[in-house]
Amino acid sequence: ETFEALKIALNQNLIVSRGELDQDLLIKSYKFSHDRIQQAAYSLISDEEKAATHYHIGQVVQQNLSPSDREEQIFNLLNQLNYGITLIADQSERDK
């Protein structure tokens, strides 16, 4: 379903695949073909939606990384979570 949505951007060369097909014949990673395209797309998202999306990404990354990988990716993880810091109401979660 997601791939069907991405096909339009792929066909217009707005995004490119970052890897090969996996065992399910799916490409799991994409990137924008140019930084300006990414910036333009990002500018269309409201600040509230940006915060929620970054926070959600941070939560997913945190849950799926092993402790050693989490330590290695700590700055990437914290950057995602910090964008959504206003959404973290629980003080113990903020401290964590």
N, C-alpha and C. Protein backbone atom coordinates (compact mmCIF):
# COMPACT_ATOMS: atom_id res chain seq x y z
N GLU A 1 0.83 -1.19 0.00
CA GLU A 1 0.00 0.00 0.00
C GLU A 1 0.87 1.26 0.00
N THR A 2 1.90 1.23 0.83
CA THR A 2 2.82 2.37 0.88
C THR A 2 3.57 2.52 -0.43
N PHE A 3 3.99 1.37 -0.98
CA PHE A 3 4.71 1.43 -2.25
C PHE A 3 3.85 2.04 -3.34
N GLU A 4 2.58 1.71 -3.36
CA GLU A 4 1.68 2.29 -4.36
C GLU A 4 1.65 3.81 -4.23
N ALA A 5 1.68 4.31 -3.01
CA ALA A 5 1.70 5.74 -2.79
C ALA A 5 3.04 6.36 -3.21
N LEU A 6 4.12 5.60 -3.04
CA LEU A 6 5.45 6.10 -3.40
C LEU A 6 5.73 6.05 -4.90
N LYS A 7 5.00 5.22 -5.63
CA LYS A 7 5.27 5.06 -7.06
C LYS A 7 5.17 6.36 -7.83
N ILE A 8 4.26 7.23 -7.45
CA ILE A 8 4.12 8.51 -8.14
C ILE A 8 5.40 9.33 -7.99
N ALA A 9 5.90 9.42 -6.77
CA ALA A 9 7.14 10.16 -6.53
C ALA A 9 8.32 9.49 -7.22
N LEU A 10 8.35 8.17 -7.23
CA LEU A 10 9.42 7.44 -7.94
C LEU A 10 9.38 7.73 -9.43
N ASN A 11 8.20 7.67 -10.00
CA ASN A 11 8.04 7.89 -11.44
C ASN A 11 8.41 9.31 -11.85
N GLN A 12 8.26 10.25 -10.93
CA GLN A 12 8.61 11.65 -11.23
C GLN A 12 10.02 11.99 -10.76
N ASN A 13 10.77 10.98 -10.33
CA ASN A 13 12.16 11.14 -9.87
C ASN A 13 12.30 12.11 -8.70
N LEU A 14 11.26 12.18 -7.87
CA LEU A 14 11.35 13.00 -6.66
C LEU A 14 12.05 12.23 -5.54
N ILE A 15 11.95 10.90 -5.57
CA ILE A 15 12.64 10.04 -4.63
C ILE A 15 13.33 8.93 -5.40
N VAL A 16 14.34 8.33 -4.76
CA VAL A 16 15.06 7.20 -5.35
C VAL A 16 15.22 6.13 -4.28
N SER A 17 15.35 4.89 -4.70
CA SER A 17 15.55 3.81 -3.73
C SER A 17 16.97 3.85 -3.20
N ARG A 18 17.12 3.45 -1.94
CA ARG A 18 18.43 3.42 -1.31
C ARG A 18 18.97 2.00 -1.21
N GLY A 19 18.21 1.05 -1.68
CA GLY A 19 18.65 -0.33 -1.54
C GLY A 19 18.05 -1.22 -2.60
N GLU A 20 18.32 -2.48 -2.44
CA GLU A 20 17.82 -3.50 -3.35
C GLU A 20 16.50 -4.05 -2.83
N LEU A 21 15.89 -4.89 -3.62
CA LEU A 21 14.67 -5.57 -3.20
C LEU A 21 14.97 -6.55 -2.08
N ASP A 22 14.04 -6.66 -1.12
CA ASP A 22 14.21 -7.63 -0.04
C ASP A 22 13.56 -8.95 -0.43
N GLN A 23 13.44 -9.87 0.52
CA GLN A 23 12.89 -11.19 0.24
C GLN A 23 11.43 -11.14 -0.18
N ASP A 24 10.71 -10.06 0.17
CA ASP A 24 9.32 -9.90 -0.23
C ASP A 24 9.18 -9.07 -1.51
N LEU A 25 10.33 -8.83 -2.16
CA LEU A 25 10.39 -8.03 -3.38
C LEU A 25 9.94 -6.60 -3.15
N LEU A 26 10.29 -6.08 -1.99
CA LEU A 26 9.99 -4.69 -1.64
C LEU A 26 11.29 -3.93 -1.40
N ILE A 27 11.27 -2.66 -1.71
CA ILE A 27 12.38 -1.77 -1.38
C ILE A 27 12.03 -1.13 -0.06
N LYS A 28 12.91 -1.25 0.92
CA LYS A 28 12.61 -0.79 2.27
C LYS A 28 13.11 0.62 2.56
N SER A 29 13.92 1.19 1.70
CA SER A 29 14.51 2.48 2.01
C SER A 29 14.54 3.38 0.78
N TYR A 30 14.13 4.62 0.99
CA TYR A 30 14.11 5.62 -0.08
C TYR A 30 14.74 6.90 0.43
N LYS A 31 15.14 7.75 -0.49
CA LYS A 31 15.61 9.08 -0.13
C LYS A 31 15.15 10.04 -1.22
N PHE A 32 15.08 11.32 -0.85
CA PHE A 32 14.74 12.33 -1.83
C PHE A 32 15.89 12.44 -2.82
N SER A 33 15.56 12.71 -4.06
CA SER A 33 16.60 12.78 -5.08
C SER A 33 17.42 14.06 -4.96
N HIS A 34 16.92 15.06 -4.24
CA HIS A 34 17.67 16.29 -4.02
C HIS A 34 17.24 16.91 -2.69
N ASP A 35 18.17 17.56 -2.01
CA ASP A 35 17.87 18.20 -0.73
C ASP A 35 16.76 19.23 -0.84
N ARG A 36 16.70 19.95 -1.94
CA ARG A 36 15.67 20.98 -2.12
C ARG A 36 14.27 20.38 -2.19
N ILE A 37 14.16 19.20 -2.75
CA ILE A 37 12.87 18.51 -2.79
C ILE A 37 12.44 18.15 -1.38
N GLN A 38 13.37 17.64 -0.59
CA GLN A 38 13.07 17.31 0.80
C GLN A 38 12.66 18.56 1.58
N GLN A 39 13.37 19.64 1.39
CA GLN A 39 13.05 20.89 2.08
C GLN A 39 11.67 21.41 1.68
N ALA A 40 11.34 21.33 0.41
CA ALA A 40 10.03 21.79 -0.06
C ALA A 40 8.91 20.94 0.53
N ALA A 41 9.10 19.64 0.54
CA ALA A 41 8.09 18.74 1.11
C ALA A 41 7.93 19.00 2.61
N TYR A 42 9.03 19.18 3.30
CA TYR A 42 9.01 19.41 4.75
C TYR A 42 8.31 20.73 5.08
N SER A 43 8.48 21.73 4.23
CA SER A 43 7.86 23.04 4.49
C SER A 43 6.34 22.99 4.38
N LEU A 44 5.81 21.98 3.74
CA LEU A 44 4.36 21.84 3.59
C LEU A 44 3.69 21.25 4.82
N ILE A 45 4.47 20.75 5.76
CA ILE A 45 3.93 20.11 6.96
C ILE A 45 3.81 21.15 8.07
N SER A 46 2.68 21.16 8.76
CA SER A 46 2.49 22.11 9.87
C SER A 46 3.46 21.78 11.01
N ASP A 47 3.76 22.79 11.83
CA ASP A 47 4.68 22.58 12.95
C ASP A 47 4.18 21.52 13.91
N GLU A 48 2.85 21.50 14.15
CA GLU A 48 2.28 20.50 15.05
C GLU A 48 2.46 19.09 14.49
N GLU A 49 2.24 18.95 13.19
CA GLU A 49 2.39 17.64 12.56
C GLU A 49 3.86 17.22 12.52
N LYS A 50 4.76 18.18 12.33
CA LYS A 50 6.20 17.87 12.36
C LYS A 50 6.58 17.32 13.72
N ALA A 51 6.15 18.01 14.77
CA ALA A 51 6.48 17.57 16.13
C ALA A 51 5.96 16.17 16.38
N ALA A 52 4.71 15.91 16.02
CA ALA A 52 4.11 14.59 16.25
C ALA A 52 4.82 13.51 15.44
N THR A 53 5.17 13.82 14.21
CA THR A 53 5.84 12.85 13.35
C THR A 53 7.24 12.53 13.87
N HIS A 54 8.00 13.55 14.23
CA HIS A 54 9.35 13.31 14.76
C HIS A 54 9.29 12.52 16.07
N TYR A 55 8.33 12.86 16.92
CA TYR A 55 8.19 12.14 18.18
C TYR A 55 7.86 10.67 17.91
N HIS A 56 6.95 10.43 17.00
CA HIS A 56 6.57 9.05 16.65
C HIS A 56 7.78 8.30 16.08
N ILE A 57 8.53 8.93 15.21
CA ILE A 57 9.73 8.30 14.65
C ILE A 57 10.71 7.95 15.77
N GLY A 58 10.92 8.89 16.69
CA GLY A 58 11.81 8.64 17.82
C GLY A 58 11.35 7.47 18.66
N GLN A 59 10.04 7.38 18.90
CA GLN A 59 9.49 6.27 19.68
C GLN A 59 9.73 4.93 18.97
N VAL A 60 9.47 4.89 17.68
CA VAL A 60 9.65 3.65 16.92
C VAL A 60 11.12 3.24 16.90
N VAL A 61 12.00 4.20 16.67
CA VAL A 61 13.43 3.91 16.65
C VAL A 61 13.87 3.40 18.02
N GLN A 62 13.43 4.07 19.07
CA GLN A 62 13.80 3.66 20.43
C GLN A 62 13.36 2.24 20.73
N GLN A 63 12.18 1.87 20.31
CA GLN A 63 11.65 0.54 20.58
C GLN A 63 12.33 -0.55 19.77
N ASN A 64 12.85 -0.18 18.59
CA ASN A 64 13.39 -1.20 17.70
C ASN A 64 14.91 -1.33 17.72
N LEU A 65 15.59 -0.48 18.46
CA LEU A 65 17.04 -0.58 18.55
C LEU A 65 17.45 -1.39 19.77
N SER A 66 18.46 -2.20 19.60
CA SER A 66 19.04 -2.90 20.75
C SER A 66 19.76 -1.87 21.61
N PRO A 67 20.03 -2.18 22.87
CA PRO A 67 20.74 -1.21 23.71
C PRO A 67 22.07 -0.74 23.12
N SER A 68 22.83 -1.63 22.51
CA SER A 68 24.11 -1.21 21.94
C SER A 68 23.90 -0.32 20.71
N ASP A 69 22.90 -0.67 19.88
CA ASP A 69 22.60 0.18 18.72
C ASP A 69 22.04 1.52 19.15
N ARG A 70 21.25 1.50 20.22
CA ARG A 70 20.68 2.75 20.75
C ARG A 70 21.80 3.69 21.18
N GLU A 71 22.80 3.14 21.83
CA GLU A 71 23.94 3.96 22.26
C GLU A 71 24.67 4.55 21.05
N GLU A 72 24.80 3.76 20.01
CA GLU A 72 25.48 4.21 18.80
C GLU A 72 24.66 5.27 18.06
N GLN A 73 23.35 5.18 18.13
CA GLN A 73 22.45 6.09 17.42
C GLN A 73 21.83 7.15 18.33
N ILE A 74 22.40 7.36 19.50
CA ILE A 74 21.77 8.20 20.52
C ILE A 74 21.47 9.62 20.02
N PHE A 75 22.37 10.22 19.25
CA PHE A 75 22.14 11.59 18.80
C PHE A 75 21.02 11.65 17.76
N ASN A 76 20.96 10.68 16.87
CA ASN A 76 19.85 10.63 15.91
C ASN A 76 18.52 10.43 16.63
N LEU A 77 18.53 9.54 17.60
CA LEU A 77 17.32 9.27 18.38
C LEU A 77 16.87 10.51 19.14
N LEU A 78 17.80 11.15 19.84
CA LEU A 78 17.46 12.34 20.61
C LEU A 78 17.00 13.50 19.74
N ASN A 79 17.58 13.64 18.57
CA ASN A 79 17.12 14.68 17.65
C ASN A 79 15.65 14.48 17.29
N GLN A 80 15.27 13.26 17.01
CA GLN A 80 13.87 12.97 16.68
C GLN A 80 12.96 13.28 17.87
N LEU A 81 13.33 12.79 19.03
CA LEU A 81 12.50 12.99 20.22
C LEU A 81 12.44 14.46 20.63
N ASN A 82 13.55 15.18 20.49
CA ASN A 82 13.57 16.59 20.88
C ASN A 82 12.65 17.45 20.02
N TYR A 83 12.48 17.10 18.75
CA TYR A 83 11.54 17.84 17.91
C TYR A 83 10.11 17.75 18.47
N GLY A 84 9.81 16.65 19.14
CA GLY A 84 8.48 16.46 19.69
C GLY A 84 8.42 16.59 21.19
N ILE A 85 9.37 17.29 21.79
CA ILE A 85 9.47 17.38 23.25
C ILE A 85 8.20 17.98 23.87
N THR A 86 7.53 18.85 23.17
CA THR A 86 6.31 19.46 23.71
C THR A 86 5.20 18.44 23.88
N LEU A 87 5.31 17.31 23.22
CA LEU A 87 4.29 16.27 23.31
C LEU A 87 4.53 15.30 24.46
N ILE A 88 5.68 15.43 25.11
CA ILE A 88 6.00 14.53 26.22
C ILE A 88 5.58 15.21 27.52
N ALA A 89 4.43 14.80 28.05
CA ALA A 89 3.88 15.43 29.25
C ALA A 89 4.42 14.78 30.53
N ASP A 90 4.70 13.51 30.46
CA ASP A 90 5.15 12.76 31.64
C ASP A 90 6.62 13.07 31.93
N GLN A 91 6.90 13.56 33.13
CA GLN A 91 8.27 13.96 33.49
C GLN A 91 9.25 12.79 33.45
N SER A 92 8.81 11.60 33.85
CA SER A 92 9.73 10.45 33.83
C SER A 92 10.10 10.09 32.39
N GLU A 93 9.16 10.26 31.45
CA GLU A 93 9.48 10.00 30.04
C GLU A 93 10.44 11.06 29.52
N ARG A 94 10.26 12.31 29.93
CA ARG A 94 11.19 13.37 29.53
C ARG A 94 12.60 13.07 30.04
N ASP A 95 12.68 12.65 31.30
CA ASP A 95 13.98 12.33 31.89
C ASP A 95 14.65 11.18 31.15
N LYS A 96 13.88 10.16 30.81
CA LYS A 96 14.41 9.00 30.10
C LYS A 96 14.97 9.44 28.76
